[in-house]
Each structure stands twice: as structure tokens, then as C-alpha cells.
């Protein structure tokens, strides 16, 4: 039996055992540095909308709502015949 962390491509049960018996902790990745400036602004707007509406979690609903206030989403919806303000 091997000891150590199997990683995401390994067998899930082996991964569980590795974690249970003290395998390395998963790495934390700062996704903020991987996002473009427009993507960071979108997430920031979504977080603000979520907080204003009493949510502690950032969900797809909040991301979609924030996207409705930016281009090209507004233009795409308008060209498709939808009203982005409704």
C-alpha cells in the first residue's frame, strides 16, 4: 500500500484513506489572481448585490444579476428580444 495523497485523478477511496491517515492538505488557490479585471468587477458586483440582499453566500443568481448590469450581457439580451431591466 502506498502512503500519500493520490490527488484528484486517483481513486476516491484511496484519496479518502490518504486524507484520513494524514495525507497532505489540499492546496488553496487564490482564484482572484486568475480572473481578468472584468471578471473581478463582475464578482465584486455580485458580492455587493448578495450582501445588500442579506445573503452571506455568493450564488449563481447573484452572478447572473451582476452580469445583467454589464456589457456584453445587456446587449446580447436586447438583441435576443429580452428586456434586461425586467
C-alpha atoms as a PDB file:
ATOM      1  CA  UNK A   1       0.000   0.000   0.000  1.00  0.00           C
ATOM      2  CA  UNK A   2       1.325   3.409  -0.869  1.00  0.00           C
ATOM      3  CA  UNK A   3       1.167   6.247   1.553  1.00  0.00           C
ATOM      4  CA  UNK A   4       0.494   9.750   0.423  1.00  0.00           C
ATOM      5  CA  UNK A   5      -2.088  11.811  -1.282  1.00  0.00           C
ATOM      6  CA  UNK A   6      -3.498  10.385  -4.514  1.00  0.00           C
ATOM      7  CA  UNK A   7      -4.753  13.689  -5.925  1.00  0.00           C
ATOM      8  CA  UNK A   8      -7.901  14.429  -7.871  1.00  0.00           C
ATOM      9  CA  UNK A   9      -7.154  11.857 -10.584  1.00  0.00           C
ATOM     10  CA  UNK A  10      -6.732   8.982  -8.115  1.00  0.00           C
ATOM     11  CA  UNK A  11      -9.233   6.557  -6.722  1.00  0.00           C
ATOM     12  CA  UNK A  12     -11.738   8.402  -4.464  1.00  0.00           C
ATOM     13  CA  UNK A  13     -11.486   5.746  -1.756  1.00  0.00           C
ATOM     14  CA  UNK A  14      -7.695   5.844  -1.820  1.00  0.00           C
ATOM     15  CA  UNK A  15      -7.871   9.636  -1.654  1.00  0.00           C
ATOM     16  CA  UNK A  16     -10.158   9.369   1.397  1.00  0.00           C
ATOM     17  CA  UNK A  17      -7.745   6.987   3.106  1.00  0.00           C
ATOM     18  CA  UNK A  18      -4.788   9.223   2.345  1.00  0.00           C
ATOM     19  CA  UNK A  19      -6.573  12.197   3.879  1.00  0.00           C
ATOM     20  CA  UNK A  20      -7.775  10.150   6.854  1.00  0.00           C
ATOM     21  CA  UNK A  21      -4.291   8.884   7.595  1.00  0.00           C
ATOM     22  CA  UNK A  22      -2.692  12.286   7.318  1.00  0.00           C
ATOM     23  CA  UNK A  23      -2.043  12.941   3.669  1.00  0.00           C
ATOM     24  CA  UNK A  24      -1.136  16.449   2.596  1.00  0.00           C
ATOM     25  CA  UNK A  25      -3.843  19.064   2.788  1.00  0.00           C
ATOM     26  CA  UNK A  26      -5.362  20.327  -0.447  1.00  0.00           C
ATOM     27  CA  UNK A  27      -3.685  23.422  -1.827  1.00  0.00           C
ATOM     28  CA  UNK A  28      -5.570  26.666  -1.591  1.00  0.00           C
ATOM     29  CA  UNK A  29      -5.559  28.690  -4.777  1.00  0.00           C
ATOM     30  CA  UNK A  30      -6.265  32.403  -4.903  1.00  0.00           C
ATOM     31  CA  UNK A  31      -8.644  32.466  -7.868  1.00  0.00           C
ATOM     32  CA  UNK A  32      -8.633  36.247  -7.789  1.00  0.00           C
ATOM     33  CA  UNK A  33      -5.249  36.300  -9.452  1.00  0.00           C
ATOM     34  CA  UNK A  34      -6.570  34.044 -12.219  1.00  0.00           C
ATOM     35  CA  UNK A  35      -9.513  36.316 -13.071  1.00  0.00           C
ATOM     36  CA  UNK A  36      -9.419  39.136 -15.584  1.00  0.00           C
ATOM     37  CA  UNK A  37     -10.263  42.661 -14.449  1.00  0.00           C
ATOM     38  CA  UNK A  38     -13.821  42.493 -15.898  1.00  0.00           C
ATOM     39  CA  UNK A  39     -14.360  39.133 -14.176  1.00  0.00           C
ATOM     40  CA  UNK A  40     -13.175  40.571 -10.837  1.00  0.00           C
ATOM     41  CA  UNK A  41     -15.575  43.502 -11.267  1.00  0.00           C
ATOM     42  CA  UNK A  42     -18.424  41.100 -12.028  1.00  0.00           C
ATOM     43  CA  UNK A  43     -17.701  39.039  -8.903  1.00  0.00           C
ATOM     44  CA  UNK A  44     -17.376  42.236  -6.843  1.00  0.00           C
ATOM     45  CA  UNK A  45     -20.768  43.447  -8.101  1.00  0.00           C
ATOM     46  CA  UNK A  46     -22.331  40.059  -7.420  1.00  0.00           C
ATOM     47  CA  UNK A  47     -20.927  40.025  -3.881  1.00  0.00           C
ATOM     48  CA  UNK A  48     -22.267  43.519  -3.269  1.00  0.00           C
ATOM     49  CA  UNK A  49     -25.713  42.504  -4.565  1.00  0.00           C
ATOM     50  CA  UNK A  50     -25.685  39.381  -2.372  1.00  0.00           C
ATOM     51  CA  UNK A  51     -24.733  41.388   0.726  1.00  0.00           C
ATOM     52  CA  UNK A  52     -27.373  44.038   0.036  1.00  0.00           C
ATOM     53  CA  UNK A  53     -29.994  41.299  -0.092  1.00  0.00           C
ATOM     54  CA  UNK A  54     -28.882  39.598   3.120  1.00  0.00           C
ATOM     55  CA  UNK A  55     -27.051  36.635   1.644  1.00  0.00           C
ATOM     56  CA  UNK A  56     -23.763  35.501   3.117  1.00  0.00           C
ATOM     57  CA  UNK A  57     -23.128  33.240   0.123  1.00  0.00           C
ATOM     58  CA  UNK A  58     -22.332  34.213  -3.435  1.00  0.00           C
ATOM     59  CA  UNK A  59     -24.508  32.160  -5.762  1.00  0.00           C
ATOM     60  CA  UNK A  60     -25.154  31.904  -9.493  1.00  0.00           C
ATOM     61  CA  UNK A  61     -28.235  34.084  -9.038  1.00  0.00           C
ATOM     62  CA  UNK A  62     -26.022  36.911  -7.807  1.00  0.00           C
ATOM     63  CA  UNK A  63     -23.532  36.441 -10.642  1.00  0.00           C
ATOM     64  CA  UNK A  64     -26.319  36.476 -13.223  1.00  0.00           C
ATOM     65  CA  UNK A  65     -27.846  39.590 -11.671  1.00  0.00           C
ATOM     66  CA  UNK A  66     -24.486  41.355 -11.768  1.00  0.00           C
ATOM     67  CA  UNK A  67     -23.959  40.265 -15.381  1.00  0.00           C
ATOM     68  CA  UNK A  68     -27.273  41.894 -16.323  1.00  0.00           C
ATOM     69  CA  UNK A  69     -25.815  45.274 -15.457  1.00  0.00           C
ATOM     70  CA  UNK A  70     -22.778  44.926 -17.738  1.00  0.00           C
ATOM     71  CA  UNK A  71     -21.989  44.674 -21.404  1.00  0.00           C
ATOM     72  CA  UNK A  72     -21.980  42.485 -23.406  1.00  0.00           C
ATOM     73  CA  UNK A  73     -24.739  40.696 -21.456  1.00  0.00           C
ATOM     74  CA  UNK A  74     -27.206  43.586 -21.750  1.00  0.00           C
ATOM     75  CA  UNK A  75     -26.631  43.895 -25.496  1.00  0.00           C
ATOM     76  CA  UNK A  76     -26.934  40.167 -26.061  1.00  0.00           C
ATOM     77  CA  UNK A  77     -30.243  40.023 -24.222  1.00  0.00           C
ATOM     78  CA  UNK A  78     -31.578  43.078 -26.045  1.00  0.00           C
ATOM     79  CA  UNK A  79     -30.653  41.636 -29.437  1.00  0.00           C
ATOM     80  CA  UNK A  80     -32.386  38.392 -28.457  1.00  0.00           C
ATOM     81  CA  UNK A  81     -35.574  40.358 -27.744  1.00  0.00           C
ATOM     82  CA  UNK A  82     -35.403  40.316 -23.948  1.00  0.00           C
ATOM     83  CA  UNK A  83     -35.531  43.335 -21.672  1.00  0.00           C
ATOM     84  CA  UNK A  84     -32.503  43.193 -19.338  1.00  0.00           C
ATOM     85  CA  UNK A  85     -34.219  45.621 -16.945  1.00  0.00           C
ATOM     86  CA  UNK A  86     -37.295  43.465 -16.329  1.00  0.00           C
END
